[in-house]
C-alpha atoms as a PDB file:
ATOM      1  CA  MET A   1       0.000   0.000   0.000  1.00  0.00           C
ATOM      2  CA  GLN A   2       1.122   3.571  -0.457  1.00  0.00           C
ATOM      3  CA  GLY A   3       0.690   6.463   1.920  1.00  0.00           C
ATOM      4  CA  THR A   4       2.116   9.771   3.068  1.00  0.00           C
ATOM      5  CA  VAL A   5       3.534  10.414   6.550  1.00  0.00           C
ATOM      6  CA  SER A   6       1.445  13.173   8.131  1.00  0.00           C
ATOM      7  CA  GLN A   7       2.838  13.051  11.697  1.00  0.00           C
ATOM      8  CA  LEU A   8       6.100  11.775  13.152  1.00  0.00           C
ATOM      9  CA  ALA A   9       7.013  11.399  16.824  1.00  0.00           C
ATOM     10  CA  PRO A  10       9.917   9.609  18.520  1.00  0.00           C
ATOM     11  CA  SER A  11       8.969   6.567  20.573  1.00  0.00           C
ATOM     12  CA  THR A  12      10.244   5.760  24.039  1.00  0.00           C
ATOM     13  CA  ASN A  13      12.233   3.037  22.285  1.00  0.00           C
ATOM     14  CA  ARG A  14      14.960   4.963  20.417  1.00  0.00           C
ATOM     15  CA  GLN A  15      14.914   2.537  17.482  1.00  0.00           C
ATOM     16  CA  GLN A  16      11.267   3.224  16.627  1.00  0.00           C
ATOM     17  CA  TYR A  17       9.025   6.119  15.679  1.00  0.00           C
ATOM     18  CA  ARG A  18       5.309   6.560  15.987  1.00  0.00           C
ATOM     19  CA  ILE A  19       3.892   7.849  12.724  1.00  0.00           C
ATOM     20  CA  ARG A  20       0.520   8.737  11.304  1.00  0.00           C
ATOM     21  CA  VAL A  21       0.087   7.784   7.658  1.00  0.00           C
ATOM     22  CA  ASP A  22      -2.526   9.185   5.282  1.00  0.00           C
ATOM     23  CA  LEU A  23      -3.685   6.475   2.885  1.00  0.00           C
ATOM     24  CA  PRO A  24      -5.132   8.090  -0.267  1.00  0.00           C
ATOM     25  CA  HIS A  25      -6.570   4.773  -1.521  1.00  0.00           C
ATOM     26  CA  GLY A  26      -7.747   3.562   1.870  1.00  0.00           C
ATOM     27  CA  LEU A  27      -6.544   0.456   3.625  1.00  0.00           C
ATOM     28  CA  ARG A  28      -5.975  -1.634   0.486  1.00  0.00           C
ATOM     29  CA  THR A  29      -3.020  -3.396  -1.077  1.00  0.00           C
ATOM     30  CA  THR A  30      -1.098  -1.518  -3.781  1.00  0.00           C
ATOM     31  CA  SER A  31      -2.970  -3.431  -6.487  1.00  0.00           C
ATOM     32  CA  GLY A  32      -6.208  -2.235  -4.859  1.00  0.00           C
ATOM     33  CA  SER A  33      -7.821  -5.639  -5.022  1.00  0.00           C
ATOM     34  CA  VAL A  34      -7.540  -6.710  -1.387  1.00  0.00           C
ATOM     35  CA  PRO A  35      -9.124  -4.629   1.399  1.00  0.00           C
ATOM     36  CA  LEU A  36      -7.303  -4.940   4.718  1.00  0.00           C
ATOM     37  CA  PRO A  37      -9.093  -4.988   8.098  1.00  0.00           C
ATOM     38  CA  PHE A  38      -8.592  -1.917  10.296  1.00  0.00           C
ATOM     39  CA  ARG A  39      -7.743  -2.181  13.992  1.00  0.00           C
ATOM     40  CA  PRO A  40      -6.846   0.795  16.217  1.00  0.00           C
ATOM     41  CA  GLU A  41      -3.135   1.066  17.093  1.00  0.00           C
ATOM     42  CA  MET A  42      -2.074  -1.206  14.223  1.00  0.00           C
ATOM     43  CA  THR A  43       1.657  -1.795  13.922  1.00  0.00           C
ATOM     44  CA  GLY A  44       3.708  -2.503  10.856  1.00  0.00           C
ATOM     45  CA  THR A  45       6.976  -2.174   9.030  1.00  0.00           C
ATOM     46  CA  ALA A  46       7.481   0.431   6.328  1.00  0.00           C
ATOM     47  CA  GLU A  47      10.058   1.447   3.798  1.00  0.00           C
ATOM     48  CA  LEU A  48      10.153   5.237   3.620  1.00  0.00           C
ATOM     49  CA  VAL A  49      11.107   6.781   0.286  1.00  0.00           C
ATOM     50  CA  THR A  50      12.621  10.208   0.873  1.00  0.00           C
ATOM     51  CA  ASP A  51      14.145  11.047  -2.513  1.00  0.00           C
ATOM     52  CA  ASP A  52      13.166  10.918  -6.143  1.00  0.00           C
ATOM     53  CA  LEU A  53      14.994   7.852  -7.403  1.00  0.00           C
ATOM     54  CA  ARG A  54      15.879   6.685 -10.858  1.00  0.00           C
ATOM     55  CA  MET A  55      14.140   3.584 -12.155  1.00  0.00           C
ATOM     56  CA  MET A  56      17.257   1.417 -11.669  1.00  0.00           C
ATOM     57  CA  GLU A  57      17.573   2.560  -8.052  1.00  0.00           C
ATOM     58  CA  ARG A  58      13.929   1.689  -7.364  1.00  0.00           C
ATOM     59  CA  ALA A  59      14.421  -1.739  -8.950  1.00  0.00           C
ATOM     60  CA  PHE A  60      17.484  -2.325  -6.755  1.00  0.00           C
ATOM     61  CA  TYR A  61      15.548  -1.413  -3.593  1.00  0.00           C
ATOM     62  CA  GLY A  62      12.732  -3.748  -4.653  1.00  0.00           C
ATOM     63  CA  LEU A  63      15.174  -6.631  -5.104  1.00  0.00           C
ATOM     64  CA  ARG A  64      16.849  -5.811  -1.811  1.00  0.00           C
ATOM     65  CA  SER A  65      13.542  -6.081   0.040  1.00  0.00           C
ATOM     66  CA  LEU A  66      12.924  -9.527  -1.491  1.00  0.00           C
ATOM     67  CA  ILE A  67      16.288 -10.763  -0.209  1.00  0.00           C
ATOM     68  CA  ARG A  68      15.573  -9.727   3.395  1.00  0.00           C
END
């Protein structure tokens, strides 16, 4: 799914942040075909994209995430 960070706050655990994400397409997978159930205080893992990347760089990051 894709979203935009609207709020960011450090957590008491220094390795984590509490964020609020705006989801323009709702709580659905990127393909839009699978709705996801909502629960308050949901947790997750995200990859934050902070720069405009070239297509090759995006492909590399996609492959890297598959290896992990």
